[in-house]
Amino acid sequence: MNPLSSILDIIKYALKAVYAYLDLKKETFYFEAEKQYLKEKEELRNEIDSLRNEGTVAASDLADAKFMRLQEVDRSWKLVSAAYSLNKSGD
């Protein structure tokens, strides 16, 4: 076997290993982001519910603001999720 082809094979396998590692990091990042999104969404829903139960005008206004934040978080996550899905299907 040619020493040059052996070196090229080693480089090829090393590049494959780096690619697999980076792909795994991307997957991990996505799932961590999803976990954070679900946590934030649940916290916002709980805060909205407790503010609505207070029944005051100030609490209602704050609940409305938090609901708008919840909608913003949902829209942002849909964009991230769609981008991830497109990227994943392109692999």
N, C-alpha and C. Protein backbone atom coordinates (compact mmCIF):
# COMPACT_ATOMS: atom_id res chain seq x y z
N MET A 1 0.85 -1.17 0.00
CA MET A 1 0.00 0.00 0.00
C MET A 1 0.90 1.24 0.00
N ASN A 2 0.48 2.19 -0.75
CA ASN A 2 1.21 3.44 -0.91
C ASN A 2 1.11 4.27 0.39
N PRO A 3 2.22 4.77 0.92
CA PRO A 3 2.17 5.57 2.15
C PRO A 3 1.32 6.84 2.00
N LEU A 4 1.31 7.40 0.80
CA LEU A 4 0.51 8.61 0.59
C LEU A 4 -0.98 8.30 0.68
N SER A 5 -1.39 7.17 0.14
CA SER A 5 -2.81 6.82 0.23
C SER A 5 -3.19 6.50 1.67
N SER A 6 -2.27 5.94 2.46
CA SER A 6 -2.54 5.68 3.87
C SER A 6 -2.74 6.98 4.63
N ILE A 7 -1.92 7.95 4.35
CA ILE A 7 -2.05 9.26 5.00
C ILE A 7 -3.36 9.91 4.59
N LEU A 8 -3.71 9.80 3.32
CA LEU A 8 -4.98 10.38 2.85
C LEU A 8 -6.17 9.68 3.49
N ASP A 9 -6.09 8.37 3.66
CA ASP A 9 -7.16 7.63 4.33
C ASP A 9 -7.32 8.09 5.79
N ILE A 10 -6.20 8.28 6.46
CA ILE A 10 -6.24 8.75 7.85
C ILE A 10 -6.88 10.13 7.92
N ILE A 11 -6.52 11.00 7.01
CA ILE A 11 -7.11 12.35 6.97
C ILE A 11 -8.60 12.26 6.68
N LYS A 12 -8.97 11.39 5.74
CA LYS A 12 -10.38 11.23 5.39
C LYS A 12 -11.19 10.76 6.60
N TYR A 13 -10.69 9.77 7.34
CA TYR A 13 -11.39 9.27 8.51
C TYR A 13 -11.42 10.31 9.63
N ALA A 14 -10.37 11.07 9.75
CA ALA A 14 -10.36 12.14 10.76
C ALA A 14 -11.41 13.20 10.43
N LEU A 15 -11.53 13.55 9.16
CA LEU A 15 -12.55 14.53 8.76
C LEU A 15 -13.96 13.99 8.98
N LYS A 16 -14.16 12.71 8.72
CA LYS A 16 -15.46 12.10 8.99
C LYS A 16 -15.79 12.14 10.48
N ALA A 17 -14.79 11.89 11.30
CA ALA A 17 -14.99 11.93 12.75
C ALA A 17 -15.34 13.34 13.21
N VAL A 18 -14.66 14.34 12.68
CA VAL A 18 -14.95 15.74 13.02
C VAL A 18 -16.37 16.10 12.57
N TYR A 19 -16.75 15.68 11.38
CA TYR A 19 -18.10 15.95 10.88
C TYR A 19 -19.15 15.31 11.79
N ALA A 20 -18.93 14.06 12.18
CA ALA A 20 -19.88 13.37 13.06
C ALA A 20 -19.98 14.08 14.41
N TYR A 21 -18.85 14.53 14.93
CA TYR A 21 -18.84 15.25 16.20
C TYR A 21 -19.63 16.55 16.10
N LEU A 22 -19.42 17.31 15.04
CA LEU A 22 -20.13 18.58 14.86
C LEU A 22 -21.62 18.35 14.65
N ASP A 23 -21.98 17.29 13.95
CA ASP A 23 -23.39 16.96 13.76
C ASP A 23 -24.04 16.63 15.10
N LEU A 24 -23.34 15.89 15.94
CA LEU A 24 -23.86 15.57 17.26
C LEU A 24 -24.01 16.82 18.13
N LYS A 25 -23.03 17.73 18.04
CA LYS A 25 -23.13 19.00 18.78
C LYS A 25 -24.34 19.80 18.34
N LYS A 26 -24.62 19.80 17.03
CA LYS A 26 -25.78 20.52 16.50
C LYS A 26 -27.07 19.93 17.05
N GLU A 27 -27.15 18.59 17.07
CA GLU A 27 -28.32 17.91 17.62
C GLU A 27 -28.51 18.27 19.09
N THR A 28 -27.43 18.21 19.84
CA THR A 28 -27.50 18.51 21.27
C THR A 28 -27.95 19.94 21.50
N PHE A 29 -27.42 20.87 20.72
CA PHE A 29 -27.79 22.27 20.86
C PHE A 29 -29.29 22.46 20.60
N TYR A 30 -29.80 21.81 19.56
CA TYR A 30 -31.22 21.94 19.23
C TYR A 30 -32.09 21.41 20.37
N PHE A 31 -31.76 20.24 20.90
CA PHE A 31 -32.58 19.66 21.95
C PHE A 31 -32.49 20.45 23.26
N GLU A 32 -31.34 21.02 23.54
CA GLU A 32 -31.22 21.90 24.71
C GLU A 32 -32.05 23.17 24.52
N ALA A 33 -32.03 23.71 23.31
CA ALA A 33 -32.84 24.90 23.03
C ALA A 33 -34.32 24.58 23.14
N GLU A 34 -34.71 23.41 22.69
CA GLU A 34 -36.12 23.01 22.78
C GLU A 34 -36.53 22.86 24.24
N LYS A 35 -35.66 22.28 25.05
CA LYS A 35 -35.95 22.12 26.47
C LYS A 35 -36.12 23.48 27.14
N GLN A 36 -35.26 24.43 26.80
CA GLN A 36 -35.35 25.78 27.35
C GLN A 36 -36.63 26.47 26.90
N TYR A 37 -37.00 26.28 25.64
CA TYR A 37 -38.23 26.87 25.10
C TYR A 37 -39.44 26.34 25.86
N LEU A 38 -39.52 25.03 26.05
CA LEU A 38 -40.67 24.44 26.74
C LEU A 38 -40.74 24.91 28.19
N LYS A 39 -39.59 25.07 28.83
CA LYS A 39 -39.55 25.55 30.21
C LYS A 39 -40.05 26.99 30.29
N GLU A 40 -39.56 27.83 29.38
CA GLU A 40 -39.99 29.24 29.38
C GLU A 40 -41.48 29.36 29.08
N LYS A 41 -41.96 28.54 28.15
CA LYS A 41 -43.37 28.56 27.79
C LYS A 41 -44.25 28.16 28.99
N GLU A 42 -43.84 27.12 29.69
CA GLU A 42 -44.59 26.67 30.87
C GLU A 42 -44.59 27.74 31.96
N GLU A 43 -43.44 28.36 32.19
CA GLU A 43 -43.36 29.41 33.21
C GLU A 43 -44.26 30.59 32.86
N LEU A 44 -44.25 30.99 31.60
CA LEU A 44 -45.10 32.11 31.18
C LEU A 44 -46.58 31.76 31.34
N ARG A 45 -46.95 30.55 30.98
CA ARG A 45 -48.36 30.14 31.13
C ARG A 45 -48.78 30.16 32.60
N ASN A 46 -47.91 29.65 33.47
CA ASN A 46 -48.22 29.66 34.90
C ASN A 46 -48.35 31.08 35.43
N GLU A 47 -47.45 31.97 35.02
CA GLU A 47 -47.52 33.36 35.46
C GLU A 47 -48.80 34.02 34.95
N ILE A 48 -49.16 33.76 33.72
CA ILE A 48 -50.39 34.33 33.15
C ILE A 48 -51.59 33.85 33.93
N ASP A 49 -51.66 32.55 34.22
CA ASP A 49 -52.79 32.00 34.97
C ASP A 49 -52.90 32.63 36.35
N SER A 50 -51.78 32.75 37.05
CA SER A 50 -51.83 33.32 38.40
C SER A 50 -52.22 34.80 38.35
N LEU A 51 -51.74 35.52 37.35
CA LEU A 51 -52.12 36.94 37.24
C LEU A 51 -53.59 37.09 36.89
N ARG A 52 -54.10 36.24 36.02
CA ARG A 52 -55.54 36.30 35.67
C ARG A 52 -56.40 35.99 36.89
N ASN A 53 -55.93 35.08 37.75
CA ASN A 53 -56.69 34.71 38.94
C ASN A 53 -56.73 35.83 39.98
N GLU A 54 -55.77 36.76 39.93
CA GLU A 54 -55.78 37.88 40.87
C GLU A 54 -56.99 38.77 40.65
N GLY A 55 -57.35 38.98 39.41
CA GLY A 55 -58.56 39.74 39.09
C GLY A 55 -58.42 41.25 39.10
N THR A 56 -57.24 41.79 39.34
CA THR A 56 -57.08 43.24 39.32
C THR A 56 -56.76 43.72 37.91
N VAL A 57 -56.97 45.00 37.69
CA VAL A 57 -56.70 45.59 36.38
C VAL A 57 -55.19 45.54 36.09
N ALA A 58 -54.38 45.87 37.08
CA ALA A 58 -52.93 45.86 36.89
C ALA A 58 -52.43 44.44 36.57
N ALA A 59 -52.97 43.46 37.29
CA ALA A 59 -52.58 42.07 37.04
C ALA A 59 -53.02 41.62 35.66
N SER A 60 -54.19 42.07 35.24
CA SER A 60 -54.69 41.73 33.92
C SER A 60 -53.81 42.34 32.82
N ASP A 61 -53.41 43.59 33.03
CA ASP A 61 -52.51 44.24 32.06
C ASP A 61 -51.17 43.52 31.97
N LEU A 62 -50.64 43.12 33.11
CA LEU A 62 -49.38 42.39 33.13
C LEU A 62 -49.54 41.01 32.47
N ALA A 63 -50.67 40.38 32.71
CA ALA A 63 -50.95 39.08 32.08
C ALA A 63 -51.03 39.24 30.56
N ASP A 64 -51.63 40.33 30.09
CA ASP A 64 -51.69 40.59 28.65
C ASP A 64 -50.29 40.76 28.06
N ALA A 65 -49.43 41.47 28.79
CA ALA A 65 -48.05 41.66 28.31
C ALA A 65 -47.31 40.33 28.27
N LYS A 66 -47.52 39.52 29.29
CA LYS A 66 -46.86 38.21 29.32
C LYS A 66 -47.42 37.30 28.23
N PHE A 67 -48.69 37.43 27.91
CA PHE A 67 -49.28 36.65 26.83
C PHE A 67 -48.67 37.05 25.49
N MET A 68 -48.45 38.33 25.31
CA MET A 68 -47.80 38.79 24.08
C MET A 68 -46.38 38.24 24.00
N ARG A 69 -45.69 38.19 25.12
CA ARG A 69 -44.34 37.61 25.17
C ARG A 69 -44.40 36.11 24.81
N LEU A 70 -45.42 35.43 25.32
CA LEU A 70 -45.60 34.01 25.01
C LEU A 70 -45.80 33.80 23.51
N GLN A 71 -46.59 34.65 22.89
CA GLN A 71 -46.79 34.55 21.44
C GLN A 71 -45.49 34.81 20.69
N GLU A 72 -44.71 35.76 21.17
CA GLU A 72 -43.41 36.07 20.55
C GLU A 72 -42.46 34.88 20.66
N VAL A 73 -42.44 34.25 21.82
CA VAL A 73 -41.59 33.07 22.02
C VAL A 73 -42.03 31.94 21.10
N ASP A 74 -43.34 31.73 20.97
CA ASP A 74 -43.85 30.69 20.08
C ASP A 74 -43.47 30.95 18.62
N ARG A 75 -43.61 32.20 18.18
CA ARG A 75 -43.24 32.54 16.80
C ARG A 75 -41.75 32.32 16.56
N SER A 76 -40.94 32.74 17.51
CA SER A 76 -39.50 32.56 17.38
C SER A 76 -39.14 31.08 17.31
N TRP A 77 -39.76 30.28 18.17
CA TRP A 77 -39.44 28.87 18.17
C TRP A 77 -39.88 28.19 16.87
N LYS A 78 -41.00 28.61 16.32
CA LYS A 78 -41.44 28.04 15.04
C LYS A 78 -40.42 28.31 13.95
N LEU A 79 -39.83 29.49 13.95
CA LEU A 79 -38.80 29.81 12.96
C LEU A 79 -37.55 28.95 13.17
N VAL A 80 -37.13 28.82 14.42
CA VAL A 80 -35.95 28.00 14.72
C VAL A 80 -36.21 26.54 14.34
N SER A 81 -37.39 26.05 14.69
CA SER A 81 -37.73 24.67 14.41
C SER A 81 -37.81 24.40 12.90
N ALA A 82 -38.38 25.35 12.17
CA ALA A 82 -38.47 25.20 10.71
C ALA A 82 -37.08 25.21 10.08
N ALA A 83 -36.22 26.09 10.55
CA ALA A 83 -34.86 26.15 10.02
C ALA A 83 -34.11 24.86 10.33
N TYR A 84 -34.30 24.33 11.52
CA TYR A 84 -33.65 23.07 11.88
C TYR A 84 -34.16 21.93 11.01
N SER A 85 -35.47 21.89 10.78
CA SER A 85 -36.06 20.83 9.96
C SER A 85 -35.54 20.90 8.53
N LEU A 86 -35.44 22.10 7.98
CA LEU A 86 -34.90 22.25 6.63
C LEU A 86 -33.45 21.80 6.58
N ASN A 87 -32.69 22.19 7.58
CA ASN A 87 -31.28 21.81 7.64
C ASN A 87 -31.14 20.30 7.81
N LYS A 88 -31.99 19.71 8.63
CA LYS A 88 -31.93 18.27 8.90
C LYS A 88 -32.30 17.47 7.65
N SER A 89 -33.31 17.92 6.91
CA SER A 89 -33.73 17.20 5.71
C SER A 89 -32.71 17.37 4.58
N GLY A 90 -31.88 18.40 4.66
CA GLY A 90 -30.86 18.63 3.66
C GLY A 90 -29.61 17.82 3.86
N ASP A 91 -29.49 17.16 5.04
CA ASP A 91 -28.28 16.35 5.31
C ASP A 91 -28.21 15.13 4.43
